[in-house]
Amino acid sequence: MRPLLAAIALLAAASAPARAADLRLERVWPQWHDADSFSSLYEDHTGRELAGGWIILRSQPDQRAGLYFLSRVENPGARVPGATFILRVVSPESIETRVFHFSADIQSGSRLFEIGLTGKDWAGARVQPVAWELELQAADGSVLARKASFLWEKSSR
């Protein structure tokens, strides 16, 4: 009887849904993209942008050129509706932290997000952020995951 109960307990633990704490930002890479890097033959024929397997979020949706934070989200648990990416950035132009919010539903599994500061929200291709932090929050405001640059971690922010 005892081995049967142990097997049932193991099976229940293995099939339990993953906690939100298991969700993580695996990688975050800031990089500049010109507007034409998003153009494709598909778009020429259909008029719709081809995102492939990526989810593209832009601070200025009608502007494509900008500084993007390519972010891989690993979510072994259930879908997280109504989540928000909060991007905090310090640019060389000002010591003030600029904050941007991007709404997203986080599906189960591994997903790539291109989170872009586009149009007037970023100065240009040659401008690199001094420091940055990307946080993913649930709809209730609880922090699900967070990544930051080395300088962000070392600052008093």
N, C-alpha and C. Protein backbone atom coordinates (compact mmCIF):
# COMPACT_ATOMS: atom_id res chain seq x y z
N MET A 1 0.82 -1.20 0.00
CA MET A 1 0.00 0.00 0.00
C MET A 1 0.86 1.25 0.00
N ARG A 2 1.93 1.23 0.79
CA ARG A 2 2.80 2.40 0.88
C ARG A 2 3.44 2.75 -0.48
N PRO A 3 3.94 1.77 -1.27
CA PRO A 3 4.49 2.12 -2.58
C PRO A 3 3.43 2.73 -3.50
N LEU A 4 2.20 2.28 -3.40
CA LEU A 4 1.14 2.83 -4.22
C LEU A 4 0.89 4.30 -3.87
N LEU A 5 0.84 4.62 -2.58
CA LEU A 5 0.64 6.01 -2.15
C LEU A 5 1.81 6.90 -2.59
N ALA A 6 3.02 6.37 -2.49
CA ALA A 6 4.20 7.13 -2.92
C ALA A 6 4.13 7.40 -4.42
N ALA A 7 3.72 6.41 -5.20
CA ALA A 7 3.60 6.59 -6.65
C ALA A 7 2.54 7.63 -6.99
N ILE A 8 1.43 7.61 -6.29
CA ILE A 8 0.36 8.59 -6.51
C ILE A 8 0.84 9.99 -6.15
N ALA A 9 1.55 10.13 -5.04
CA ALA A 9 2.08 11.43 -4.64
C ALA A 9 3.07 11.97 -5.66
N LEU A 10 3.95 11.12 -6.18
CA LEU A 10 4.91 11.54 -7.21
C LEU A 10 4.21 11.96 -8.49
N LEU A 11 3.21 11.19 -8.89
CA LEU A 11 2.45 11.52 -10.09
C LEU A 11 1.73 12.85 -9.93
N ALA A 12 1.14 13.09 -8.77
CA ALA A 12 0.43 14.35 -8.51
C ALA A 12 1.41 15.53 -8.54
N ALA A 13 2.58 15.36 -7.97
CA ALA A 13 3.58 16.44 -7.97
C ALA A 13 4.08 16.73 -9.37
N ALA A 14 4.25 15.70 -10.17
CA ALA A 14 4.76 15.88 -11.53
C ALA A 14 3.73 16.53 -12.43
N SER A 15 2.45 16.28 -12.18
CA SER A 15 1.41 16.83 -13.04
C SER A 15 0.85 18.16 -12.53
N ALA A 16 1.32 18.64 -11.40
CA ALA A 16 0.83 19.91 -10.86
C ALA A 16 1.25 21.05 -11.77
N PRO A 17 0.42 22.06 -11.96
CA PRO A 17 0.80 23.17 -12.81
C PRO A 17 1.98 23.94 -12.23
N ALA A 18 2.81 24.48 -13.12
CA ALA A 18 3.98 25.24 -12.67
C ALA A 18 3.52 26.53 -12.00
N ARG A 19 4.24 26.96 -11.00
CA ARG A 19 3.92 28.21 -10.32
C ARG A 19 4.38 29.39 -11.16
N ALA A 20 3.80 30.54 -10.94
CA ALA A 20 4.22 31.74 -11.66
C ALA A 20 5.68 32.05 -11.41
N ALA A 21 6.20 31.63 -10.27
CA ALA A 21 7.61 31.87 -9.96
C ALA A 21 8.52 31.10 -10.92
N ASP A 22 8.00 30.07 -11.57
CA ASP A 22 8.79 29.30 -12.53
C ASP A 22 8.95 30.05 -13.85
N LEU A 23 8.11 31.02 -14.11
CA LEU A 23 8.23 31.83 -15.32
C LEU A 23 9.50 32.66 -15.21
N ARG A 24 10.25 32.77 -16.30
CA ARG A 24 11.50 33.54 -16.23
C ARG A 24 11.82 34.19 -17.57
N LEU A 25 12.57 35.27 -17.47
CA LEU A 25 13.17 35.90 -18.64
C LEU A 25 14.52 35.23 -18.83
N GLU A 26 14.62 34.41 -19.83
CA GLU A 26 15.84 33.63 -20.03
C GLU A 26 16.98 34.51 -20.55
N ARG A 27 16.70 35.35 -21.51
CA ARG A 27 17.71 36.22 -22.10
C ARG A 27 17.07 37.56 -22.47
N VAL A 28 17.87 38.62 -22.43
CA VAL A 28 17.43 39.93 -22.92
C VAL A 28 18.62 40.56 -23.64
N TRP A 29 18.44 40.84 -24.93
CA TRP A 29 19.50 41.43 -25.75
C TRP A 29 19.02 42.75 -26.34
N PRO A 30 19.60 43.89 -25.92
CA PRO A 30 19.27 45.16 -26.57
C PRO A 30 20.02 45.27 -27.89
N GLN A 31 19.30 45.68 -28.94
CA GLN A 31 19.93 45.87 -30.24
C GLN A 31 19.08 46.78 -31.11
N TRP A 32 19.73 47.53 -31.99
CA TRP A 32 19.05 48.43 -32.90
C TRP A 32 18.54 47.66 -34.11
N HIS A 33 17.34 48.02 -34.57
CA HIS A 33 16.79 47.47 -35.82
C HIS A 33 16.33 48.63 -36.68
N ASP A 34 16.78 48.65 -37.93
CA ASP A 34 16.25 49.60 -38.90
C ASP A 34 14.85 49.14 -39.31
N ALA A 35 14.06 50.07 -39.80
CA ALA A 35 12.67 49.75 -40.18
C ALA A 35 12.63 48.67 -41.25
N ASP A 36 13.54 48.72 -42.21
CA ASP A 36 13.49 47.74 -43.30
C ASP A 36 13.90 46.33 -42.87
N SER A 37 14.45 46.17 -41.68
CA SER A 37 14.79 44.82 -41.21
C SER A 37 13.53 44.01 -40.90
N PHE A 38 12.38 44.68 -40.83
CA PHE A 38 11.11 43.99 -40.58
C PHE A 38 10.33 43.74 -41.87
N SER A 39 10.83 44.25 -43.01
CA SER A 39 10.14 44.07 -44.29
C SER A 39 10.33 42.64 -44.79
N SER A 40 9.33 42.16 -45.53
CA SER A 40 9.40 40.81 -46.08
C SER A 40 8.58 40.73 -47.37
N LEU A 41 8.82 39.70 -48.13
CA LEU A 41 8.05 39.45 -49.34
C LEU A 41 6.58 39.22 -48.99
N TYR A 42 6.36 38.53 -47.87
CA TYR A 42 5.00 38.28 -47.39
C TYR A 42 4.26 39.60 -47.21
N GLU A 43 4.92 40.57 -46.58
CA GLU A 43 4.28 41.87 -46.35
C GLU A 43 4.01 42.60 -47.67
N ASP A 44 4.93 42.47 -48.62
CA ASP A 44 4.73 43.10 -49.93
C ASP A 44 3.46 42.58 -50.59
N HIS A 45 3.14 41.30 -50.39
CA HIS A 45 1.97 40.70 -51.03
C HIS A 45 0.69 40.84 -50.23
N THR A 46 0.80 40.85 -48.90
CA THR A 46 -0.41 40.86 -48.08
C THR A 46 -0.69 42.19 -47.38
N GLY A 47 0.35 43.01 -47.22
CA GLY A 47 0.19 44.25 -46.49
C GLY A 47 0.28 44.09 -44.98
N ARG A 48 0.52 42.85 -44.53
CA ARG A 48 0.62 42.59 -43.09
C ARG A 48 2.06 42.22 -42.73
N GLU A 49 2.52 42.73 -41.61
CA GLU A 49 3.87 42.44 -41.15
C GLU A 49 4.00 40.97 -40.76
N LEU A 50 5.08 40.35 -41.18
CA LEU A 50 5.36 38.96 -40.83
C LEU A 50 6.25 38.95 -39.60
N ALA A 51 5.71 38.50 -38.49
CA ALA A 51 6.48 38.48 -37.24
C ALA A 51 7.16 37.14 -37.02
N GLY A 52 6.78 36.13 -37.78
CA GLY A 52 7.35 34.80 -37.56
C GLY A 52 6.92 34.29 -36.21
N GLY A 53 7.84 33.70 -35.48
CA GLY A 53 7.53 33.18 -34.16
C GLY A 53 7.71 34.20 -33.05
N TRP A 54 7.95 35.45 -33.42
CA TRP A 54 8.21 36.50 -32.43
C TRP A 54 6.95 37.32 -32.19
N ILE A 55 6.87 37.89 -31.00
CA ILE A 55 5.81 38.83 -30.68
C ILE A 55 6.46 40.20 -30.61
N ILE A 56 6.02 41.11 -31.46
CA ILE A 56 6.64 42.43 -31.56
C ILE A 56 5.77 43.46 -30.85
N LEU A 57 6.36 44.15 -29.89
CA LEU A 57 5.69 45.20 -29.13
C LEU A 57 6.50 46.48 -29.31
N ARG A 58 5.84 47.57 -29.69
CA ARG A 58 6.55 48.82 -29.96
C ARG A 58 5.95 49.96 -29.15
N SER A 59 6.83 50.87 -28.70
CA SER A 59 6.35 52.03 -27.97
C SER A 59 5.58 52.98 -28.89
N GLN A 60 5.97 53.05 -30.14
CA GLN A 60 5.26 53.81 -31.17
C GLN A 60 4.87 52.79 -32.25
N PRO A 61 3.67 52.22 -32.18
CA PRO A 61 3.31 51.10 -33.06
C PRO A 61 3.46 51.37 -34.55
N ASP A 62 3.33 52.61 -34.98
CA ASP A 62 3.45 52.92 -36.40
C ASP A 62 4.89 53.18 -36.85
N GLN A 63 5.84 53.09 -35.93
CA GLN A 63 7.26 53.28 -36.24
C GLN A 63 8.00 51.97 -35.99
N ARG A 64 8.82 51.55 -36.95
CA ARG A 64 9.52 50.27 -36.80
C ARG A 64 10.97 50.41 -36.36
N ALA A 65 11.66 51.45 -36.79
CA ALA A 65 13.07 51.61 -36.43
C ALA A 65 13.16 51.92 -34.94
N GLY A 66 14.12 51.27 -34.28
CA GLY A 66 14.28 51.56 -32.87
C GLY A 66 15.21 50.61 -32.15
N LEU A 67 15.36 50.85 -30.88
CA LEU A 67 16.15 50.00 -30.00
C LEU A 67 15.21 48.93 -29.45
N TYR A 68 15.51 47.67 -29.76
CA TYR A 68 14.67 46.55 -29.35
C TYR A 68 15.38 45.73 -28.29
N PHE A 69 14.58 45.21 -27.37
CA PHE A 69 15.07 44.30 -26.35
C PHE A 69 14.50 42.93 -26.69
N LEU A 70 15.32 42.12 -27.36
CA LEU A 70 14.91 40.76 -27.71
C LEU A 70 14.90 39.94 -26.43
N SER A 71 13.73 39.45 -26.06
CA SER A 71 13.55 38.81 -24.76
C SER A 71 12.92 37.43 -24.93
N ARG A 72 13.58 36.43 -24.40
CA ARG A 72 13.02 35.08 -24.41
C ARG A 72 12.34 34.84 -23.06
N VAL A 73 11.05 34.53 -23.12
CA VAL A 73 10.27 34.23 -21.92
C VAL A 73 10.02 32.73 -21.89
N GLU A 74 10.42 32.11 -20.80
CA GLU A 74 10.18 30.69 -20.58
C GLU A 74 9.05 30.57 -19.57
N ASN A 75 7.94 29.97 -20.01
CA ASN A 75 6.79 29.81 -19.12
C ASN A 75 6.37 28.35 -19.11
N PRO A 76 6.84 27.58 -18.13
CA PRO A 76 6.46 26.17 -18.06
C PRO A 76 5.03 25.96 -17.54
N GLY A 77 4.41 27.02 -17.08
CA GLY A 77 3.08 26.90 -16.49
C GLY A 77 1.97 27.31 -17.44
N ALA A 78 0.87 27.70 -16.86
CA ALA A 78 -0.32 28.08 -17.61
C ALA A 78 -0.16 29.47 -18.21
N ARG A 79 -1.00 29.76 -19.19
CA ARG A 79 -1.05 31.07 -19.84
C ARG A 79 -1.24 32.16 -18.78
N VAL A 80 -0.59 33.31 -19.00
CA VAL A 80 -0.72 34.45 -18.09
C VAL A 80 -1.35 35.60 -18.87
N PRO A 81 -2.68 35.76 -18.78
CA PRO A 81 -3.33 36.85 -19.51
C PRO A 81 -3.14 38.19 -18.80
N GLY A 82 -3.13 39.26 -19.56
CA GLY A 82 -3.08 40.60 -18.99
C GLY A 82 -1.77 40.98 -18.34
N ALA A 83 -0.68 40.34 -18.75
CA ALA A 83 0.63 40.68 -18.19
C ALA A 83 1.14 41.99 -18.79
N THR A 84 2.15 42.56 -18.16
CA THR A 84 2.75 43.81 -18.63
C THR A 84 4.27 43.73 -18.52
N PHE A 85 4.94 44.06 -19.63
CA PHE A 85 6.38 44.26 -19.58
C PHE A 85 6.60 45.71 -19.19
N ILE A 86 7.45 45.94 -18.20
CA ILE A 86 7.82 47.29 -17.81
C ILE A 86 9.30 47.45 -18.11
N LEU A 87 9.62 48.35 -19.02
CA LEU A 87 11.00 48.59 -19.42
C LEU A 87 11.43 49.93 -18.85
N ARG A 88 12.48 49.91 -18.05
CA ARG A 88 13.06 51.13 -17.48
C ARG A 88 14.42 51.32 -18.12
N VAL A 89 14.66 52.52 -18.63
CA VAL A 89 15.88 52.78 -19.39
C VAL A 89 16.48 54.11 -18.99
N VAL A 90 17.81 54.13 -18.87
CA VAL A 90 18.55 55.37 -18.71
C VAL A 90 19.36 55.55 -19.98
N SER A 91 19.16 56.65 -20.67
CA SER A 91 19.88 56.92 -21.91
C SER A 91 21.03 57.89 -21.64
N PRO A 92 21.96 58.02 -22.57
CA PRO A 92 23.06 58.96 -22.37
C PRO A 92 22.59 60.43 -22.39
N GLU A 93 21.37 60.66 -22.85
CA GLU A 93 20.85 62.02 -22.98
C GLU A 93 20.39 62.62 -21.66
N SER A 94 20.06 61.76 -20.67
CA SER A 94 19.51 62.25 -19.41
C SER A 94 19.74 61.22 -18.31
N ILE A 95 19.88 61.67 -17.09
CA ILE A 95 20.04 60.74 -15.98
C ILE A 95 18.68 60.24 -15.47
N GLU A 96 17.60 60.81 -15.98
CA GLU A 96 16.26 60.39 -15.57
C GLU A 96 15.92 59.04 -16.17
N THR A 97 15.30 58.18 -15.37
CA THR A 97 14.84 56.89 -15.85
C THR A 97 13.54 57.08 -16.62
N ARG A 98 13.51 56.54 -17.83
CA ARG A 98 12.29 56.55 -18.63
C ARG A 98 11.63 55.19 -18.49
N VAL A 99 10.31 55.18 -18.34
CA VAL A 99 9.57 53.95 -18.10
C VAL A 99 8.55 53.75 -19.21
N PHE A 100 8.52 52.53 -19.75
CA PHE A 100 7.60 52.17 -20.82
C PHE A 100 6.85 50.90 -20.42
N HIS A 101 5.56 50.86 -20.77
CA HIS A 101 4.71 49.70 -20.45
C HIS A 101 4.23 49.06 -21.75
N PHE A 102 4.26 47.73 -21.79
CA PHE A 102 3.83 46.97 -22.95
C PHE A 102 2.94 45.83 -22.47
N SER A 103 1.69 45.82 -22.90
CA SER A 103 0.76 44.75 -22.51
C SER A 103 1.00 43.51 -23.36
N ALA A 104 0.87 42.34 -22.73
CA ALA A 104 1.06 41.09 -23.47
C ALA A 104 0.40 39.94 -22.72
N ASP A 105 -0.12 38.99 -23.46
CA ASP A 105 -0.55 37.73 -22.88
C ASP A 105 0.62 36.77 -23.05
N ILE A 106 1.01 36.13 -21.97
CA ILE A 106 2.15 35.22 -21.99
C ILE A 106 1.62 33.79 -22.11
N GLN A 107 1.90 33.17 -23.24
CA GLN A 107 1.46 31.80 -23.48
C GLN A 107 2.40 30.82 -22.78
N SER A 108 1.99 29.60 -22.67
CA SER A 108 2.85 28.54 -22.13
C SER A 108 3.97 28.27 -23.11
N GLY A 109 5.09 27.81 -22.59
CA GLY A 109 6.22 27.44 -23.43
C GLY A 109 7.23 28.56 -23.55
N SER A 110 8.04 28.48 -24.57
CA SER A 110 9.10 29.45 -24.82
C SER A 110 8.67 30.41 -25.92
N ARG A 111 8.75 31.70 -25.66
CA ARG A 111 8.34 32.71 -26.64
C ARG A 111 9.39 33.81 -26.72
N LEU A 112 9.55 34.34 -27.93
CA LEU A 112 10.44 35.48 -28.15
C LEU A 112 9.62 36.74 -28.30
N PHE A 113 10.01 37.78 -27.55
CA PHE A 113 9.37 39.08 -27.64
C PHE A 113 10.40 40.09 -28.12
N GLU A 114 10.03 40.90 -29.09
CA GLU A 114 10.83 42.05 -29.51
C GLU A 114 10.14 43.26 -28.91
N ILE A 115 10.73 43.85 -27.89
CA ILE A 115 10.14 44.98 -27.18
C ILE A 115 10.92 46.21 -27.61
N GLY A 116 10.28 47.08 -28.40
CA GLY A 116 10.99 48.16 -29.05
C GLY A 116 10.67 49.55 -28.57
N LEU A 117 11.72 50.33 -28.39
CA LEU A 117 11.59 51.78 -28.17
C LEU A 117 11.77 52.39 -29.55
N THR A 118 10.66 52.78 -30.15
CA THR A 118 10.68 53.18 -31.55
C THR A 118 10.28 54.65 -31.71
N GLY A 119 10.52 55.15 -32.93
CA GLY A 119 10.19 56.53 -33.23
C GLY A 119 10.91 57.50 -32.32
N LYS A 120 10.18 58.47 -31.80
CA LYS A 120 10.77 59.51 -30.95
C LYS A 120 11.21 59.00 -29.58
N ASP A 121 10.89 57.74 -29.25
CA ASP A 121 11.24 57.21 -27.94
C ASP A 121 12.69 56.76 -27.82
N TRP A 122 13.43 56.72 -28.96
CA TRP A 122 14.86 56.43 -28.89
C TRP A 122 15.59 57.28 -29.90
N ALA A 123 16.78 57.78 -29.51
CA ALA A 123 17.50 58.79 -30.28
C ALA A 123 18.09 58.30 -31.60
N GLY A 124 18.46 57.05 -31.72
CA GLY A 124 19.02 56.58 -32.97
C GLY A 124 19.89 55.35 -32.82
N ALA A 125 20.37 54.87 -33.96
CA ALA A 125 21.12 53.62 -34.02
C ALA A 125 22.43 53.66 -33.24
N ARG A 126 23.04 54.81 -33.14
CA ARG A 126 24.34 54.90 -32.47
C ARG A 126 24.24 55.12 -30.96
N VAL A 127 23.04 55.31 -30.47
CA VAL A 127 22.84 55.57 -29.04
C VAL A 127 22.56 54.25 -28.32
N GLN A 128 23.38 53.96 -27.33
CA GLN A 128 23.22 52.74 -26.52
C GLN A 128 22.69 53.14 -25.13
N PRO A 129 21.87 52.29 -24.53
CA PRO A 129 21.38 52.61 -23.18
C PRO A 129 22.53 52.55 -22.17
N VAL A 130 22.48 53.44 -21.20
CA VAL A 130 23.46 53.41 -20.11
C VAL A 130 23.13 52.24 -19.19
N ALA A 131 21.86 52.10 -18.86
CA ALA A 131 21.40 51.01 -18.00
C ALA A 131 19.93 50.73 -18.32
N TRP A 132 19.51 49.51 -18.05
CA TRP A 132 18.11 49.14 -18.31
C TRP A 132 17.67 48.01 -17.37
N GLU A 133 16.34 47.93 -17.22
CA GLU A 133 15.72 46.86 -16.45
C GLU A 133 14.42 46.48 -17.16
N LEU A 134 14.21 45.19 -17.34
CA LEU A 134 12.96 44.69 -17.91
C LEU A 134 12.29 43.81 -16.87
N GLU A 135 11.05 44.16 -16.58
CA GLU A 135 10.28 43.43 -15.56
C GLU A 135 8.99 42.95 -16.21
N LEU A 136 8.58 41.75 -15.86
CA LEU A 136 7.31 41.21 -16.33
C LEU A 136 6.39 41.07 -15.13
N GLN A 137 5.23 41.75 -15.21
CA GLN A 137 4.28 41.74 -14.10
C GLN A 137 2.99 41.05 -14.51
N ALA A 138 2.38 40.36 -13.55
CA ALA A 138 1.06 39.77 -13.76
C ALA A 138 0.02 40.88 -13.74
N ALA A 139 -1.20 40.54 -14.10
CA ALA A 139 -2.29 41.53 -14.12
C ALA A 139 -2.51 42.17 -12.76
N ASP A 140 -2.21 41.45 -11.68
CA ASP A 140 -2.40 41.99 -10.33
C ASP A 140 -1.21 42.84 -9.86
N GLY A 141 -0.18 43.00 -10.70
CA GLY A 141 0.98 43.82 -10.35
C GLY A 141 2.12 43.06 -9.72
N SER A 142 1.94 41.78 -9.45
CA SER A 142 3.04 41.00 -8.87
C SER A 142 4.12 40.75 -9.93
N VAL A 143 5.36 40.76 -9.49
CA VAL A 143 6.49 40.59 -10.40
C VAL A 143 6.68 39.10 -10.70
N LEU A 144 6.64 38.76 -11.99
CA LEU A 144 6.82 37.38 -12.42
C LEU A 144 8.28 37.08 -12.76
N ALA A 145 8.95 38.06 -13.38
CA ALA A 145 10.34 37.86 -13.79
C ALA A 145 10.99 39.23 -13.98
N ARG A 146 12.33 39.22 -13.93
CA ARG A 146 13.06 40.48 -14.04
C ARG A 146 14.47 40.21 -14.53
N LYS A 147 14.96 41.07 -15.43
CA LYS A 147 16.36 41.05 -15.88
C LYS A 147 16.81 42.50 -15.94
N ALA A 148 18.09 42.71 -15.68
CA ALA A 148 18.63 44.07 -15.71
C ALA A 148 20.06 44.05 -16.21
N SER A 149 20.50 45.18 -16.73
CA SER A 149 21.88 45.31 -17.17
C SER A 149 22.80 45.38 -15.96
N PHE A 150 24.07 45.17 -16.19
CA PHE A 150 25.06 45.21 -15.12
C PHE A 150 25.04 46.55 -14.40
N LEU A 151 25.00 47.65 -15.16
CA LEU A 151 25.01 48.97 -14.52
C LEU A 151 23.73 49.25 -13.74
N TRP A 152 22.62 48.71 -14.20
CA TRP A 152 21.37 48.87 -13.44
C TRP A 152 21.50 48.19 -12.08
N GLU A 153 22.05 47.00 -12.10
CA GLU A 153 22.22 46.23 -10.87
C GLU A 153 23.16 46.96 -9.90
N LYS A 154 24.15 47.67 -10.40
CA LYS A 154 25.13 48.33 -9.56
C LYS A 154 24.71 49.73 -9.11
N SER A 155 23.64 50.25 -9.72
CA SER A 155 23.19 51.60 -9.34
C SER A 155 22.33 51.55 -8.09
N SER A 156 21.96 52.70 -7.60
CA SER A 156 21.14 52.78 -6.39
C SER A 156 19.65 52.87 -6.73
N ARG A 157 19.26 52.61 -7.95
CA ARG A 157 17.88 52.73 -8.40
C ARG A 157 17.01 51.73 -7.73
